[in-house]
Amino acid sequence: MRTLGFLVVVPLLAACRFGFQDQPDAQPPPPPPTIDAPPDAPPPPVLACGAPVRFAMAKAPTFMTATGTTTGYNLITSDGTNVRGYAYNFVGGTLVAQRGDVSLYDGPTGELTTIANGDRSLVGVATGAPDPNATSVIALSDQLMPFGTPATHDAWVGGIGSLARNTTGTLAFLGTKVPSTEVDAQVIADDGSAVGPAHVVIPDGDAATITATGADFLVTWNASIDGRPRMFAAVHSLTSDSLVTKISTQTINTDPAVEAFNGRAAYAAASDTYLFSWMQKPGGASGDLIMISLRDRNLNELAGMPKQVGGGNQPIVVAGKDDYLVAWRIADTQLGAARVKPDGTVVPVAIENTAQTVLGMDLVVREGQPALVWLEKDLAGGATVRFDPLCSP
């Protein structure tokens, strides 16, 4: 019986050995189990190339500005006494009117400006009461719902291009400290209120704008040298406690024989370049000229610059994912535009002709796609807003 017990135990032990072994000797490991990967999320919808998307408005405004949102676009207008908002959302890949004619501010108003701020936006309104030289900042949701009451900045005139948000989330607000011509920069909170003191950026200048350049800010302005207006620029780091100049003042239009007006600028992170645009006088027999200057990260002008891209006035410029888009007025009834590549190549793009007066225009970047948003007055006293990505031919 003892011998029989031994013979029974040995096979059981052998079975236990193979049962706990990771794999049989000299055999490849089994393939891992197949797990279906989650499907890629569809890309966010953008405007299709071709004919612009159009929407009618019952009343023609005097001022306008626009910005991209997480769901589409917001258009802000003013007739001089009331600020109103319009939300346009993508539904199933198509841009549709979501909310319209929403009253945002009552009282005398002037220029408007707006920027995206995450899932919110900020709107700057030059106001006329109670302080005739104040600017109110309104915080809105994508669907034009206000967050609290407007934050009013007294004795502060912040016009077109006076708001910017850098890559760290710092919100900058640029304004003229009236009655002086000093231009200051102020950090503001998500509700538009001031955070810390204002910092002097330009001791004496006008038509100032501010643009985010990564973690820093580019400031442009006009000032006269020997009686001729010039465009200038500088780059600063801004916090609630300090303003540090990264690139000192540079003259953008260097020809002493011509004048520069309405200077605007944009920064493209992908190419680490800046594009400046301005209206040049005198423009000779062809009238006023739209000029550009492409510059590197240190504001050094690149070869072949400056160059003319068209004729007209009031240029605006933005940087998209792949290139820059510049637009300008040719006349009261016509606009011009061009794409500018990071190597300086200029590609004119066509804009549908207008039949009546162009009431206003803005350039907006959403999901890396630049687009022209503009208003045309109609014969019945209303207006048509158009969203046009102005794709390269």
Protein backbone atom coordinates (compact mmCIF):
# COMPACT_ATOMS: atom_id res chain seq x y z
CA MET A 1 0.00 0.00 0.00
CA ARG A 2 2.85 2.37 0.68
CA THR A 3 4.27 1.72 -2.78
CA LEU A 4 0.88 2.26 -4.42
CA GLY A 5 0.42 5.51 -2.54
CA PHE A 6 3.75 6.74 -3.92
CA LEU A 7 2.77 5.93 -7.47
CA VAL A 8 -0.48 7.89 -7.11
CA VAL A 9 1.09 10.97 -5.58
CA VAL A 10 3.76 11.50 -8.25
CA PRO A 11 1.35 12.03 -11.18
CA LEU A 12 -0.69 14.47 -9.10
CA LEU A 13 2.38 16.55 -8.38
CA ALA A 14 3.31 16.58 -12.04
CA ALA A 15 -0.15 17.73 -12.94
CA CYS A 16 0.11 20.54 -10.43
CA ARG A 17 3.41 21.63 -11.98
CA PHE A 18 2.02 22.02 -15.46
CA GLY A 19 -1.22 23.56 -14.25
CA PHE A 20 0.57 26.57 -12.73
CA GLN A 21 3.17 27.07 -15.42
CA ASP A 22 2.76 30.38 -17.41
CA GLN A 23 3.10 28.56 -20.73
CA PRO A 24 4.22 25.15 -22.00
CA ASP A 25 7.93 24.73 -22.53
CA ALA A 26 9.24 26.07 -25.86
CA GLN A 27 5.84 27.53 -26.84
CA PRO A 28 5.27 31.20 -27.82
CA PRO A 29 3.11 33.30 -25.49
CA PRO A 30 -0.54 33.56 -26.49
CA PRO A 31 -1.56 36.78 -28.24
CA PRO A 32 -3.06 39.46 -26.00
CA PRO A 33 -6.83 39.70 -26.03
CA THR A 34 -8.23 41.98 -28.70
CA ILE A 35 -9.78 45.17 -27.32
CA ASP A 36 -11.66 47.39 -29.71
CA ALA A 37 -10.22 50.94 -29.59
CA PRO A 38 -12.78 53.68 -29.06
CA PRO A 39 -13.62 55.47 -32.29
CA ASP A 40 -11.89 58.77 -32.90
CA ALA A 41 -13.99 61.77 -32.00
CA PRO A 42 -15.16 63.64 -35.09
CA PRO A 43 -13.35 66.93 -35.70
CA PRO A 44 -15.19 70.07 -34.58
CA PRO A 45 -17.32 71.53 -37.36
CA VAL A 46 -15.98 74.53 -39.27
CA LEU A 47 -17.23 76.72 -42.09
CA ALA A 48 -17.24 75.09 -45.51
CA CYS A 49 -15.37 76.69 -48.38
CA GLY A 50 -17.56 78.26 -51.02
CA ALA A 51 -20.47 80.63 -50.63
CA PRO A 52 -20.63 82.37 -47.23
CA VAL A 53 -23.31 81.51 -44.68
CA ARG A 54 -25.85 84.35 -44.42
CA PHE A 55 -28.34 85.45 -41.79
CA ALA A 56 -30.77 88.38 -41.86
CA MET A 57 -31.01 91.05 -39.17
CA ALA A 58 -34.08 93.24 -38.73
CA LYS A 59 -32.18 96.44 -37.92
CA ALA A 60 -28.86 97.68 -39.26
CA PRO A 61 -26.36 98.46 -36.45
CA THR A 62 -23.61 101.07 -36.31
CA PHE A 63 -20.82 99.02 -34.71
CA MET A 64 -20.03 95.30 -34.69
CA THR A 65 -17.51 92.77 -33.42
CA ALA A 66 -17.40 88.97 -33.44
CA THR A 67 -15.67 86.04 -31.79
CA GLY A 68 -15.54 82.27 -32.02
CA THR A 69 -17.11 80.12 -29.31
CA THR A 70 -16.97 76.43 -28.41
CA THR A 71 -20.20 75.94 -30.34
CA GLY A 72 -19.95 78.50 -33.17
CA TYR A 73 -19.78 82.28 -33.29
CA ASN A 74 -21.11 85.25 -31.35
CA LEU A 75 -21.84 88.56 -33.06
CA ILE A 76 -22.09 91.72 -30.94
CA THR A 77 -23.63 94.89 -32.39
CA SER A 78 -24.53 98.40 -31.27
CA ASP A 79 -26.71 101.14 -32.73
CA GLY A 80 -25.09 103.74 -30.49
CA THR A 81 -27.63 103.38 -27.67
CA ASN A 82 -27.98 99.63 -27.14
CA VAL A 83 -25.64 96.64 -27.37
CA ARG A 84 -27.20 93.42 -28.67
CA GLY A 85 -25.91 89.90 -29.17
CA TYR A 86 -26.48 87.10 -31.67
CA ALA A 87 -25.36 83.48 -31.16
CA TYR A 88 -24.79 81.16 -34.12
CA ASN A 89 -24.12 77.47 -33.39
CA PHE A 90 -23.09 74.48 -35.47
CA VAL A 91 -25.85 71.86 -35.51
CA GLY A 92 -25.10 68.71 -37.46
CA GLY A 93 -22.21 70.50 -39.17
CA THR A 94 -24.37 73.44 -40.28
CA LEU A 95 -24.17 76.93 -38.80
CA VAL A 96 -27.62 78.03 -37.59
CA ALA A 97 -28.98 81.05 -35.74
CA GLN A 98 -29.36 79.99 -32.10
CA ARG A 99 -30.20 83.19 -30.22
CA GLY A 100 -30.77 86.65 -31.65
CA ASP A 101 -31.37 90.25 -30.69
CA VAL A 102 -30.39 89.70 -27.05
CA SER A 103 -30.06 93.00 -25.16
CA LEU A 104 -26.68 93.15 -23.40
CA TYR A 105 -26.20 96.80 -22.47
CA ASP A 106 -28.32 99.96 -22.53
CA GLY A 107 -26.88 103.45 -22.81
CA PRO A 108 -24.70 105.56 -25.12
CA THR A 109 -21.99 103.39 -26.63
CA GLY A 110 -19.10 103.60 -29.03
CA GLU A 111 -16.58 101.06 -30.31
CA LEU A 112 -16.90 97.37 -29.45
CA THR A 113 -14.36 94.58 -29.03
CA THR A 114 -14.65 90.95 -27.96
CA ILE A 115 -12.51 87.85 -27.35
CA ALA A 116 -13.10 84.22 -26.48
CA ASN A 117 -12.27 83.16 -22.91
CA GLY A 118 -12.63 79.39 -22.71
CA ASP A 119 -16.34 78.60 -22.74
CA ARG A 120 -17.08 82.27 -22.16
CA SER A 121 -16.39 85.52 -23.96
CA LEU A 122 -15.61 89.08 -22.92
CA VAL A 123 -17.10 92.14 -24.61
CA GLY A 124 -15.61 95.61 -24.23
CA VAL A 125 -18.03 98.50 -24.70
CA ALA A 126 -16.92 102.13 -24.87
CA THR A 127 -19.69 103.80 -22.87
CA GLY A 128 -20.97 107.35 -22.57
CA ALA A 129 -22.70 107.36 -19.18
CA PRO A 130 -22.22 108.10 -16.39
CA ASP A 131 -18.56 108.63 -17.38
CA PRO A 132 -18.25 109.75 -21.02
CA ASN A 133 -14.74 108.25 -21.07
CA ALA A 134 -15.33 104.82 -19.55
CA THR A 135 -15.30 101.26 -20.87
CA SER A 136 -17.46 98.44 -19.56
CA VAL A 137 -16.47 94.79 -19.87
CA ILE A 138 -19.27 92.22 -20.07
CA ALA A 139 -18.68 88.51 -19.38
CA LEU A 140 -20.96 86.21 -21.39
CA SER A 141 -21.56 82.51 -21.91
CA ASP A 142 -21.47 81.02 -25.41
CA GLN A 143 -25.23 81.49 -25.49
CA LEU A 144 -25.03 85.17 -24.43
CA MET A 145 -26.01 84.65 -20.80
CA PRO A 146 -24.29 87.31 -18.63
CA PHE A 147 -22.09 86.43 -15.67
CA GLY A 148 -22.91 89.18 -13.18
CA THR A 149 -23.05 92.88 -13.98
CA PRO A 150 -20.67 94.65 -16.39
CA ALA A 151 -17.35 95.77 -14.89
CA THR A 152 -16.90 99.48 -15.56
CA HIS A 153 -13.42 101.00 -15.92
CA ASP A 154 -13.70 104.77 -15.42
CA ALA A 155 -11.46 107.25 -17.26
CA TRP A 156 -10.37 104.36 -19.46
CA VAL A 157 -11.03 104.15 -23.20
CA GLY A 158 -10.48 100.67 -24.60
CA GLY A 159 -11.42 100.45 -28.25
CA ILE A 160 -11.08 97.90 -31.03
CA GLY A 161 -8.43 95.27 -30.28
CA SER A 162 -8.10 96.21 -26.59
CA LEU A 163 -8.67 92.71 -25.12
CA ALA A 164 -6.37 89.66 -25.32
CA ARG A 165 -5.90 86.29 -23.58
CA ASN A 166 -2.50 84.58 -23.56
CA THR A 167 -1.69 80.86 -23.37
CA THR A 168 -1.48 80.93 -19.56
CA GLY A 169 -5.02 82.32 -19.31
CA THR A 170 -3.99 85.87 -18.36
CA LEU A 171 -6.54 88.40 -19.60
CA ALA A 172 -5.12 91.78 -20.65
CA PHE A 173 -7.10 94.98 -21.15
CA LEU A 174 -5.51 97.95 -22.93
CA GLY A 175 -6.84 101.47 -22.58
CA THR A 176 -6.08 105.17 -22.82
CA LYS A 177 -6.06 106.94 -19.44
CA VAL A 178 -8.11 109.99 -20.34
CA PRO A 179 -7.73 112.93 -20.39
CA SER A 180 -4.08 112.04 -21.10
CA THR A 181 -2.78 110.11 -24.12
CA GLU A 182 -1.04 107.57 -21.90
CA VAL A 183 -1.90 103.94 -22.75
CA ASP A 184 -1.97 101.42 -19.90
CA ALA A 185 -2.36 97.65 -19.67
CA GLN A 186 -4.46 96.05 -16.95
CA VAL A 187 -4.92 92.41 -15.95
CA ILE A 188 -8.61 91.61 -15.54
CA ALA A 189 -10.54 88.68 -14.07
CA ASP A 190 -13.01 86.44 -15.88
CA ASP A 191 -15.81 88.85 -14.93
CA GLY A 192 -13.94 91.82 -16.45
CA SER A 193 -12.97 93.46 -13.15
CA ALA A 194 -9.46 94.82 -12.55
CA VAL A 195 -6.83 92.62 -10.89
CA GLY A 196 -3.97 94.67 -9.46
CA PRO A 197 -2.79 98.06 -10.71
CA ALA A 198 -2.61 99.30 -14.29
CA HIS A 199 0.83 99.51 -15.94
CA VAL A 200 2.04 102.21 -18.32
CA VAL A 201 2.77 100.71 -21.75
CA ILE A 202 2.90 103.77 -24.01
CA PRO A 203 3.56 107.24 -22.55
CA ASP A 204 1.99 108.95 -25.58
CA GLY A 205 0.17 107.18 -28.42
CA ASP A 206 -3.16 106.37 -30.02
CA ALA A 207 -4.94 103.59 -31.96
CA ALA A 208 -3.31 101.07 -29.62
CA THR A 209 -4.07 97.34 -29.85
CA ILE A 210 -2.96 94.28 -27.87
CA THR A 211 -2.44 90.73 -29.15
CA ALA A 212 -1.42 87.56 -27.31
CA THR A 213 1.92 86.09 -28.45
CA GLY A 214 2.11 82.83 -26.54
CA ALA A 215 2.65 83.76 -22.90
CA ASP A 216 3.42 87.41 -23.74
CA PHE A 217 1.58 90.31 -25.37
CA LEU A 218 2.32 92.40 -28.44
CA VAL A 219 1.22 96.04 -28.27
CA THR A 220 0.96 98.21 -31.39
CA TRP A 221 0.20 101.92 -31.65
CA ASN A 222 0.50 105.05 -33.76
CA ALA A 223 2.58 108.11 -32.95
CA SER A 224 4.06 110.92 -35.01
CA ILE A 225 7.69 111.49 -35.91
CA ASP A 226 8.44 114.82 -37.55
CA GLY A 227 4.73 115.31 -38.04
CA ARG A 228 4.19 111.99 -39.84
CA PRO A 229 2.19 109.15 -38.20
CA ARG A 230 4.14 105.91 -37.80
CA MET A 231 3.30 102.43 -36.55
CA PHE A 232 5.20 101.05 -33.57
CA ALA A 233 5.27 97.77 -31.65
CA ALA A 234 6.73 96.21 -28.51
CA VAL A 235 6.37 92.89 -26.67
CA HIS A 236 5.70 92.69 -22.94
CA SER A 237 5.17 90.14 -20.20
CA LEU A 238 2.19 91.17 -18.09
CA THR A 239 1.04 90.07 -14.64
CA SER A 240 -1.22 91.69 -12.09
CA ASP A 241 1.91 92.98 -10.32
CA SER A 242 4.28 93.88 -13.12
CA LEU A 243 4.92 94.66 -16.76
CA VAL A 244 8.29 93.53 -18.17
CA THR A 245 9.38 94.59 -21.64
CA LYS A 246 10.66 91.62 -23.66
CA ILE A 247 11.22 93.45 -26.98
CA SER A 248 11.63 97.21 -26.88
CA THR A 249 9.84 99.64 -29.20
CA GLN A 250 10.30 98.90 -32.90
CA THR A 251 9.26 101.13 -35.81
CA ILE A 252 7.18 99.04 -38.19
CA ASN A 253 6.88 101.36 -41.19
CA THR A 254 10.36 102.80 -41.60
CA ASP A 255 9.94 104.87 -44.78
CA PRO A 256 10.11 108.53 -43.62
CA ALA A 257 8.30 109.71 -46.76
CA VAL A 258 4.99 107.95 -46.00
CA GLU A 259 2.45 107.89 -43.20
CA ALA A 260 0.89 104.87 -41.48
CA PHE A 261 -2.64 104.61 -40.06
CA ASN A 262 -4.92 101.91 -38.64
CA GLY A 263 -2.08 99.55 -37.75
CA ARG A 264 -3.02 95.97 -36.77
CA ALA A 265 -0.99 92.84 -36.05
CA ALA A 266 -1.24 89.09 -35.43
CA TYR A 267 1.08 86.36 -34.14
CA ALA A 268 1.33 82.82 -35.57
CA ALA A 269 2.61 80.30 -33.02
CA ALA A 270 3.29 77.60 -35.63
CA SER A 271 5.84 79.74 -37.52
CA ASP A 272 6.75 81.97 -34.54
CA THR A 273 6.27 85.06 -36.72
CA TYR A 274 4.33 88.32 -36.64
CA LEU A 275 2.37 89.96 -39.41
CA PHE A 276 1.74 93.71 -39.29
CA SER A 277 -0.62 95.58 -41.60
CA TRP A 278 -1.42 99.26 -41.99
CA MET A 279 -2.88 101.82 -44.38
CA GLN A 280 -0.17 103.87 -46.05
CA LYS A 281 -0.39 107.49 -47.18
CA PRO A 282 0.47 108.87 -49.65
CA GLY A 283 -0.26 105.91 -51.85
CA GLY A 284 0.34 107.64 -55.16
CA ALA A 285 -2.02 107.53 -58.13
CA SER A 286 -3.63 104.28 -56.93
CA GLY A 287 -4.83 105.87 -53.68
CA ASP A 288 -4.19 104.63 -50.16
CA LEU A 289 -2.30 101.34 -49.92
CA ILE A 290 -2.64 98.31 -47.64
CA MET A 291 0.84 97.29 -46.59
CA ILE A 292 2.18 94.28 -44.66
CA SER A 293 5.40 93.49 -42.85
CA LEU A 294 6.27 89.90 -41.86
CA ARG A 295 8.70 89.68 -38.95
CA ASP A 296 10.48 87.01 -36.93
CA ARG A 297 10.12 86.30 -33.21
CA ASN A 298 12.42 89.24 -32.38
CA LEU A 299 10.48 91.63 -34.65
CA ASN A 300 13.21 91.64 -37.28
CA GLU A 301 11.70 92.27 -40.71
CA LEU A 302 12.01 89.34 -43.13
CA ALA A 303 13.40 89.62 -46.63
CA GLY A 304 11.08 91.04 -49.26
CA MET A 305 9.15 93.15 -46.77
CA PRO A 306 7.26 95.41 -46.57
CA LYS A 307 4.97 94.77 -49.50
CA GLN A 308 1.65 95.99 -50.80
CA VAL A 309 -1.34 93.60 -50.75
CA GLY A 310 -4.05 95.95 -52.03
CA GLY A 311 -5.56 99.39 -51.96
CA GLY A 312 -7.98 100.76 -49.38
CA ASN A 313 -8.11 101.42 -45.65
CA GLN A 314 -8.90 99.94 -42.22
CA PRO A 315 -6.94 96.67 -42.50
CA ILE A 316 -7.45 93.86 -39.98
CA VAL A 317 -5.36 90.69 -39.62
CA VAL A 318 -5.52 87.34 -37.81
CA ALA A 319 -3.34 84.23 -37.71
CA GLY A 320 -4.91 80.87 -38.52
CA LYS A 321 -3.47 77.39 -38.18
CA ASP A 322 -1.55 77.55 -41.47
CA ASP A 323 -1.34 81.18 -42.54
CA TYR A 324 -2.51 84.76 -41.96
CA LEU A 325 -5.68 86.38 -43.26
CA VAL A 326 -5.79 90.13 -43.99
CA ALA A 327 -8.98 92.02 -44.90
CA TRP A 328 -9.63 95.69 -45.62
CA ARG A 329 -12.13 98.17 -47.03
CA ILE A 330 -11.74 99.15 -50.65
CA ALA A 331 -14.80 101.40 -50.60
CA ASP A 332 -18.09 101.69 -48.74
CA THR A 333 -19.49 98.88 -50.87
CA GLN A 334 -16.48 96.63 -51.36
CA LEU A 335 -13.94 94.66 -49.28
CA GLY A 336 -10.58 93.14 -50.16
CA ALA A 337 -8.68 90.21 -48.62
CA ALA A 338 -5.54 88.11 -48.98
CA ARG A 339 -3.91 85.10 -47.38
CA VAL A 340 -0.27 85.55 -46.34
CA LYS A 341 1.87 82.45 -45.91
CA PRO A 342 4.67 82.25 -43.32
CA ASP A 343 7.22 82.66 -46.12
CA GLY A 344 5.63 85.96 -47.17
CA THR A 345 3.74 84.67 -50.22
CA VAL A 346 0.54 86.67 -50.77
CA VAL A 347 -2.51 84.88 -52.18
CA PRO A 348 -5.47 87.20 -52.98
CA VAL A 349 -8.89 85.75 -52.11
CA ALA A 350 -12.20 86.82 -53.56
CA ILE A 351 -15.07 88.26 -51.52
CA GLU A 352 -18.60 88.33 -52.83
CA ASN A 353 -19.46 91.80 -54.10
CA THR A 354 -21.78 93.88 -51.99
CA ALA A 355 -24.84 95.74 -53.22
CA GLN A 356 -25.21 98.25 -50.40
CA THR A 357 -23.06 99.74 -47.63
CA VAL A 358 -20.62 97.58 -45.66
CA LEU A 359 -21.58 98.32 -42.05
CA GLY A 360 -18.69 96.57 -40.37
CA MET A 361 -16.32 93.62 -40.45
CA ASP A 362 -14.20 91.49 -38.15
CA LEU A 363 -11.81 88.57 -38.52
CA VAL A 364 -12.31 85.57 -36.24
CA VAL A 365 -10.24 82.42 -35.71
CA ARG A 366 -12.12 79.31 -34.56
CA GLU A 367 -10.59 75.81 -34.45
CA GLY A 368 -7.59 77.20 -36.35
CA GLN A 369 -9.80 78.46 -39.22
CA PRO A 370 -9.81 82.21 -39.90
CA ALA A 371 -13.02 83.71 -41.24
CA LEU A 372 -14.37 87.09 -42.24
CA VAL A 373 -17.58 88.12 -40.46
CA TRP A 374 -19.20 91.18 -41.99
CA LEU A 375 -22.44 93.09 -42.20
CA GLU A 376 -24.10 94.54 -45.28
CA LYS A 377 -26.95 97.04 -45.07
CA ASP A 378 -30.06 96.25 -47.09
CA LEU A 379 -32.59 98.59 -48.71
CA ALA A 380 -35.27 97.90 -46.09
CA GLY A 381 -33.13 99.21 -43.21
CA GLY A 382 -32.01 95.78 -42.01
CA ALA A 383 -28.75 93.98 -42.59
CA THR A 384 -27.25 90.64 -43.62
CA VAL A 385 -24.40 89.06 -41.67
CA ARG A 386 -22.06 86.79 -43.60
CA PHE A 387 -19.58 84.20 -42.31
CA ASP A 388 -16.93 83.50 -44.95
CA PRO A 389 -13.72 81.46 -44.38
CA LEU A 390 -12.18 82.97 -47.53
CA CYS A 391 -10.38 79.75 -48.40
CA SER A 392 -7.32 79.94 -50.64
CA PRO A 393 -8.10 79.35 -54.32
